[in-house]
N, C-alpha and C. Protein backbone atom coordinates (compact mmCIF):
# COMPACT_ATOMS: atom_id res chain seq x y z
N UNK A 1 -0.60 -0.80 -9.77
CA UNK A 1 -0.36 0.03 -8.68
C UNK A 1 -1.36 -0.21 -7.54
N UNK A 2 -2.55 -0.24 -7.84
CA UNK A 2 -3.72 -0.44 -6.86
C UNK A 2 -3.66 -1.76 -6.25
N UNK A 3 -3.27 -2.83 -6.86
CA UNK A 3 -3.31 -4.01 -6.28
C UNK A 3 -2.13 -4.13 -5.34
N UNK A 4 -0.88 -3.36 -5.57
CA UNK A 4 0.12 -3.28 -4.56
C UNK A 4 -0.42 -2.55 -3.15
N UNK A 5 -1.14 -1.42 -3.35
CA UNK A 5 -1.88 -0.94 -2.35
C UNK A 5 -2.85 -1.70 -1.67
N UNK A 6 -3.52 -2.35 -2.33
CA UNK A 6 -4.58 -3.36 -1.63
C UNK A 6 -3.81 -4.49 -0.98
N UNK A 7 -2.74 -5.02 -1.21
CA UNK A 7 -1.96 -5.83 -0.71
C UNK A 7 -1.24 -5.37 0.61
N UNK A 8 -0.80 -4.31 0.54
CA UNK A 8 -0.23 -3.68 1.74
C UNK A 8 -1.18 -3.35 2.73
N UNK A 9 -2.20 -2.71 2.31
CA UNK A 9 -3.61 -2.37 3.24
C UNK A 9 -4.03 -3.64 3.89
N UNK A 10 -4.17 -4.83 3.11
CA UNK A 10 -4.56 -6.01 3.71
C UNK A 10 -3.62 -6.67 4.70
N UNK A 11 -2.40 -6.54 4.41
CA UNK A 11 -1.40 -6.95 5.25
C UNK A 11 -1.45 -6.29 6.51
N UNK A 12 -1.49 -4.88 6.50
CA UNK A 12 -1.55 -3.93 7.64
C UNK A 12 -2.67 -4.21 8.56
N UNK A 13 -3.92 -4.37 7.70
CA UNK A 13 -5.12 -4.57 8.52
C UNK A 13 -5.01 -5.89 9.20
N UNK A 14 -4.57 -6.89 8.55
CA UNK A 14 -4.34 -8.40 9.33
C UNK A 14 -3.54 -8.16 10.60
N UNK A 15 -2.37 -7.31 10.40
CA UNK A 15 -1.49 -7.22 11.58
C UNK A 15 -2.27 -6.45 12.65
N UNK A 16 -2.97 -5.41 12.40
CA UNK A 16 -3.45 -4.60 13.47
C UNK A 16 -4.72 -5.77 14.01
N UNK A 17 -5.33 -6.41 13.34
CA UNK A 17 -6.49 -7.20 14.09
C UNK A 17 -5.88 -8.20 14.85
N UNK A 18 -4.76 -8.72 14.36
CA UNK A 18 -4.14 -9.77 15.14
C UNK A 18 -3.58 -9.43 16.51
N UNK A 19 -2.97 -7.97 16.40
CA UNK A 19 -2.48 -7.54 17.73
C UNK A 19 -3.69 -7.12 18.58
N UNK A 20 -4.72 -6.73 18.10
CA UNK A 20 -5.75 -6.18 18.99
C UNK A 20 -6.76 -6.96 19.47
N UNK A 21 -6.70 -8.19 18.99
CA UNK A 21 -7.84 -9.14 19.27
C UNK A 21 -7.53 -9.78 20.82
N UNK A 22 -6.81 -9.08 21.55
CA UNK A 22 -6.37 -9.56 22.87
C UNK A 22 -7.57 -8.82 23.90
N UNK A 23 -8.31 -8.21 23.52
CA UNK A 23 -9.39 -7.49 24.46
C UNK A 23 -10.17 -8.63 25.06
N UNK A 24 -10.49 -9.70 24.29
CA UNK A 24 -11.19 -10.89 24.84
C UNK A 24 -10.42 -11.42 26.06
N UNK A 25 -9.21 -11.53 26.02
CA UNK A 25 -8.62 -12.08 27.08
C UNK A 25 -8.50 -11.05 28.24
N UNK A 26 -8.55 -9.63 27.98
CA UNK A 26 -8.67 -8.86 29.13
C UNK A 26 -9.89 -8.71 29.77
N UNK A 27 -10.96 -8.98 28.99
CA UNK A 27 -12.34 -9.04 29.70
C UNK A 27 -12.63 -10.34 30.48
N UNK A 28 -11.85 -11.41 30.21
CA UNK A 28 -11.87 -12.67 31.20
C UNK A 28 -11.05 -12.36 32.40
N UNK A 29 -9.88 -11.60 32.30
CA UNK A 29 -9.07 -11.31 33.43
C UNK A 29 -9.72 -10.20 34.24
N UNK A 30 -10.51 -9.40 33.72
CA UNK A 30 -10.96 -8.18 34.48
C UNK A 30 -12.39 -8.86 35.24
N UNK A 31 -12.93 -9.75 34.61
CA UNK A 31 -14.13 -10.38 35.42
C UNK A 31 -13.60 -10.96 36.57
N UNK A 32 -12.38 -11.58 36.48
CA UNK A 32 -11.87 -12.43 37.56
C UNK A 32 -11.29 -11.48 38.51
N UNK A 33 -10.64 -10.50 38.15
CA UNK A 33 -9.88 -9.62 39.17
C UNK A 33 -10.81 -8.54 39.72
N UNK A 34 -11.80 -8.10 38.90
CA UNK A 34 -12.80 -6.87 39.34
C UNK A 34 -14.10 -7.16 38.93
N UNK A 35 -14.79 -8.34 39.50
CA UNK A 35 -16.01 -8.62 39.15
C UNK A 35 -17.03 -7.62 39.33
N UNK A 36 -16.91 -6.60 40.10
CA UNK A 36 -17.95 -5.44 40.31
C UNK A 36 -17.90 -4.52 39.16
N UNK A 37 -16.90 -4.58 38.19
CA UNK A 37 -16.95 -3.68 36.99
C UNK A 37 -17.70 -4.45 35.96
N UNK A 38 -18.71 -3.65 35.66
CA UNK A 38 -19.79 -4.20 34.58
C UNK A 38 -19.19 -3.83 33.31
N UNK A 39 -18.74 -4.93 32.39
CA UNK A 39 -18.08 -4.67 31.11
C UNK A 39 -19.02 -4.72 30.04
N UNK A 40 -20.41 -5.27 30.25
CA UNK A 40 -21.49 -5.26 29.29
C UNK A 40 -22.71 -4.49 29.63
N UNK A 41 -23.47 -3.86 28.73
CA UNK A 41 -24.87 -3.51 28.77
C UNK A 41 -25.85 -4.40 29.40
N UNK A 42 -27.01 -4.01 29.65
CA UNK A 42 -27.97 -5.01 30.23
C UNK A 42 -28.40 -5.93 29.04
N UNK A 43 -28.14 -5.87 27.97
CA UNK A 43 -28.51 -6.65 26.77
C UNK A 43 -27.50 -8.03 26.87
N UNK A 44 -26.34 -7.79 27.46
CA UNK A 44 -25.23 -8.72 27.73
C UNK A 44 -24.44 -9.10 26.56
N UNK A 45 -24.58 -8.22 25.40
CA UNK A 45 -23.99 -8.61 24.22
C UNK A 45 -22.99 -7.38 23.82
N UNK A 46 -23.43 -6.15 24.16
CA UNK A 46 -22.65 -4.90 23.75
C UNK A 46 -21.84 -4.41 24.89
N UNK A 47 -20.75 -4.00 24.76
CA UNK A 47 -19.86 -3.43 25.81
C UNK A 47 -20.53 -2.29 26.44
N UNK A 48 -20.20 -2.08 27.70
CA UNK A 48 -20.55 -0.93 28.56
C UNK A 48 -19.43 0.30 28.23
N UNK A 49 -19.73 1.21 28.81
CA UNK A 49 -18.48 2.24 28.79
C UNK A 49 -17.35 1.85 29.25
N UNK A 50 -17.26 0.89 30.55
CA UNK A 50 -16.17 0.33 31.07
C UNK A 50 -15.50 -0.64 30.05
N UNK A 51 -16.46 -1.52 29.37
CA UNK A 51 -15.86 -2.50 28.51
C UNK A 51 -15.32 -1.81 27.20
N UNK A 52 -15.77 -0.83 26.69
CA UNK A 52 -15.29 -0.14 25.70
C UNK A 52 -13.88 0.42 25.98
N UNK A 53 -13.96 1.16 27.25
CA UNK A 53 -12.64 1.61 27.75
C UNK A 53 -11.53 0.61 27.85
N UNK A 54 -12.00 -0.59 28.41
CA UNK A 54 -10.86 -1.73 28.59
C UNK A 54 -10.36 -1.96 27.13
N UNK A 55 -11.24 -2.23 26.25
CA UNK A 55 -10.89 -2.60 24.80
C UNK A 55 -10.00 -1.60 24.44
N UNK A 56 -10.26 -0.38 24.43
CA UNK A 56 -9.36 0.76 23.96
C UNK A 56 -8.06 0.68 24.53
N UNK A 57 -7.88 0.44 25.97
CA UNK A 57 -6.74 0.34 26.55
C UNK A 57 -5.98 -0.73 25.84
N UNK A 58 -6.54 -1.92 25.78
CA UNK A 58 -5.74 -3.05 25.06
C UNK A 58 -5.28 -2.65 23.67
N UNK A 59 -6.02 -1.83 22.81
CA UNK A 59 -5.56 -1.48 21.55
C UNK A 59 -4.41 -0.60 21.86
N UNK A 60 -4.37 0.32 22.76
CA UNK A 60 -3.38 1.29 22.90
C UNK A 60 -2.12 0.52 23.38
N UNK A 61 -2.23 -0.58 24.13
CA UNK A 61 -0.99 -1.43 24.74
C UNK A 61 -0.52 -2.03 23.38
N UNK A 62 -1.41 -2.71 22.62
CA UNK A 62 -0.97 -3.68 21.58
C UNK A 62 -0.23 -2.81 20.47
N UNK A 63 -0.82 -1.73 20.22
CA UNK A 63 -0.46 -0.82 19.07
C UNK A 63 0.95 -0.17 19.44
N UNK A 64 0.98 0.43 20.70
CA UNK A 64 2.06 1.32 20.98
C UNK A 64 3.12 0.64 21.70
N UNK A 65 2.82 -0.53 22.40
CA UNK A 65 3.71 -1.15 23.03
C UNK A 65 4.13 -0.50 24.38
N UNK A 66 3.15 0.22 24.80
CA UNK A 66 3.26 1.12 26.22
C UNK A 66 2.07 0.76 26.91
N UNK A 67 2.27 0.97 28.27
CA UNK A 67 1.21 0.72 29.22
C UNK A 67 0.29 1.90 29.27
N UNK A 68 -0.97 1.63 29.20
CA UNK A 68 -1.89 2.74 29.34
C UNK A 68 -2.19 3.22 30.93
N UNK A 69 -1.36 2.63 31.61
CA UNK A 69 -1.42 3.03 33.11
C UNK A 69 -1.12 4.41 33.28
N UNK A 70 -1.85 5.15 33.85
CA UNK A 70 -1.66 6.61 34.30
C UNK A 70 -1.92 7.65 33.03
N UNK A 71 -2.66 7.03 32.13
CA UNK A 71 -3.32 7.89 31.19
C UNK A 71 -4.44 8.81 31.77
N UNK A 72 -4.45 9.98 31.59
CA UNK A 72 -5.40 10.87 32.21
C UNK A 72 -6.77 10.88 31.53
N UNK A 73 -6.79 10.35 30.42
CA UNK A 73 -8.26 10.16 29.71
C UNK A 73 -8.98 9.02 30.68
N UNK A 74 -10.16 9.39 30.97
CA UNK A 74 -10.78 8.32 31.74
C UNK A 74 -12.13 8.06 31.16
N UNK A 75 -12.76 8.72 30.25
CA UNK A 75 -13.95 8.53 29.52
C UNK A 75 -15.10 8.47 30.65
N UNK A 76 -15.24 9.51 31.39
CA UNK A 76 -16.30 9.62 32.23
C UNK A 76 -16.34 8.61 33.45
N UNK A 77 -15.26 7.69 33.57
CA UNK A 77 -15.19 6.69 34.59
C UNK A 77 -14.54 7.61 35.65
N UNK A 78 -14.75 6.94 36.99
CA UNK A 78 -13.91 7.40 38.10
C UNK A 78 -12.55 7.02 37.88
N UNK A 79 -11.57 7.60 38.64
CA UNK A 79 -10.24 7.42 38.46
C UNK A 79 -9.77 5.99 38.83
N UNK A 80 -10.44 5.36 39.74
CA UNK A 80 -10.02 4.24 40.38
C UNK A 80 -10.43 3.02 39.35
N UNK A 81 -11.63 3.25 38.70
CA UNK A 81 -12.18 2.23 37.86
C UNK A 81 -11.36 2.13 36.51
N UNK A 82 -11.03 3.27 36.11
CA UNK A 82 -10.20 3.68 34.96
C UNK A 82 -8.67 2.93 35.26
N UNK A 83 -8.19 3.27 36.37
CA UNK A 83 -6.87 2.74 36.63
C UNK A 83 -6.81 1.12 36.71
N UNK A 84 -7.96 0.63 37.45
CA UNK A 84 -8.01 -0.71 37.34
C UNK A 84 -7.98 -1.38 35.92
N UNK A 85 -8.79 -0.80 35.11
CA UNK A 85 -9.09 -1.40 33.78
C UNK A 85 -7.77 -1.13 32.83
N UNK A 86 -6.93 0.08 33.07
CA UNK A 86 -5.68 0.23 32.58
C UNK A 86 -4.69 -0.79 32.74
N UNK A 87 -4.70 -1.21 34.18
CA UNK A 87 -3.81 -2.03 34.77
C UNK A 87 -4.25 -3.54 34.02
N UNK A 88 -5.29 -3.96 34.14
CA UNK A 88 -5.71 -5.08 33.59
C UNK A 88 -5.53 -5.22 31.93
N UNK A 89 -5.47 -4.15 31.37
CA UNK A 89 -5.30 -4.17 29.89
C UNK A 89 -3.82 -4.63 29.68
N UNK A 90 -2.94 -3.73 30.45
CA UNK A 90 -1.55 -3.97 30.29
C UNK A 90 -1.21 -5.43 30.85
N UNK A 91 -1.55 -5.81 31.78
CA UNK A 91 -1.36 -7.01 32.41
C UNK A 91 -1.79 -8.36 31.27
N UNK A 92 -2.88 -7.91 30.68
CA UNK A 92 -3.37 -9.04 29.62
C UNK A 92 -2.50 -9.13 28.57
N UNK A 93 -2.02 -7.98 28.02
CA UNK A 93 -1.29 -7.84 26.71
C UNK A 93 0.16 -8.20 27.01
N UNK A 94 0.79 -7.95 28.16
CA UNK A 94 2.27 -8.45 28.37
C UNK A 94 2.02 -9.96 28.73
N UNK A 95 1.03 -10.56 29.39
CA UNK A 95 0.71 -11.84 29.67
C UNK A 95 0.79 -12.72 28.34
N UNK A 96 0.04 -12.16 27.35
CA UNK A 96 -0.10 -12.73 26.09
C UNK A 96 1.18 -12.95 25.30
N UNK A 97 1.95 -11.72 25.25
CA UNK A 97 3.30 -11.66 24.39
C UNK A 97 4.46 -12.27 25.43
N UNK A 98 4.39 -12.21 26.64
CA UNK A 98 5.32 -12.72 27.64
C UNK A 98 6.21 -11.69 27.88
N UNK A 99 5.96 -10.45 27.43
CA UNK A 99 6.82 -9.26 27.68
C UNK A 99 5.98 -8.05 26.93
N UNK A 100 6.55 -6.90 27.05
CA UNK A 100 6.02 -5.74 26.60
C UNK A 100 6.00 -5.96 24.88
N UNK A 101 4.95 -5.81 24.09
CA UNK A 101 5.03 -5.94 22.77
C UNK A 101 5.84 -4.79 21.94
N UNK A 102 6.33 -5.26 20.72
CA UNK A 102 6.99 -3.90 20.09
C UNK A 102 5.77 -3.19 19.79
N UNK A 103 5.98 -1.74 19.59
CA UNK A 103 4.87 -1.08 19.29
C UNK A 103 4.55 -1.31 17.76
N UNK A 104 3.47 -1.61 17.23
CA UNK A 104 3.04 -1.84 16.02
C UNK A 104 3.34 -0.29 15.24
N UNK A 105 2.84 0.67 15.85
CA UNK A 105 2.95 1.94 15.30
C UNK A 105 4.42 2.41 14.81
N UNK A 106 5.21 2.07 16.07
CA UNK A 106 6.78 2.35 15.77
C UNK A 106 7.41 1.55 14.68
N UNK A 107 7.00 0.27 14.43
CA UNK A 107 7.61 -0.54 13.65
C UNK A 107 7.27 -0.20 12.26
N UNK A 108 5.77 0.26 11.96
CA UNK A 108 5.57 0.55 10.62
C UNK A 108 6.11 1.89 10.31
N UNK A 109 6.37 2.87 11.15
CA UNK A 109 6.87 4.24 10.95
C UNK A 109 8.41 4.14 10.67
N UNK A 110 9.14 3.16 10.82
CA UNK A 110 10.57 2.98 10.65
C UNK A 110 10.90 2.44 9.05
């Protein structure tokens, strides 16, 4: 029984990782479209608050198949910056899939 559990867990984790690794595409798009938004801390390796927020928006879009645009949670960012990052996340995810993705959370719940 535990091996079936491990296989299921492994498969689900792989699927989540595959869906959510689109954040790097969103970072490239954001740097091009909004070059004044700093996505990295001063060390150049770790994401800033803006970078973390963008990645979270990508995760939301990929997992739920819904746009993060208009989400009221802005993580201490100003509304304009959060709105740009939300749009960038959604544009990146839909560009990758060629459409809005099927929500992973809805798929596994069925």
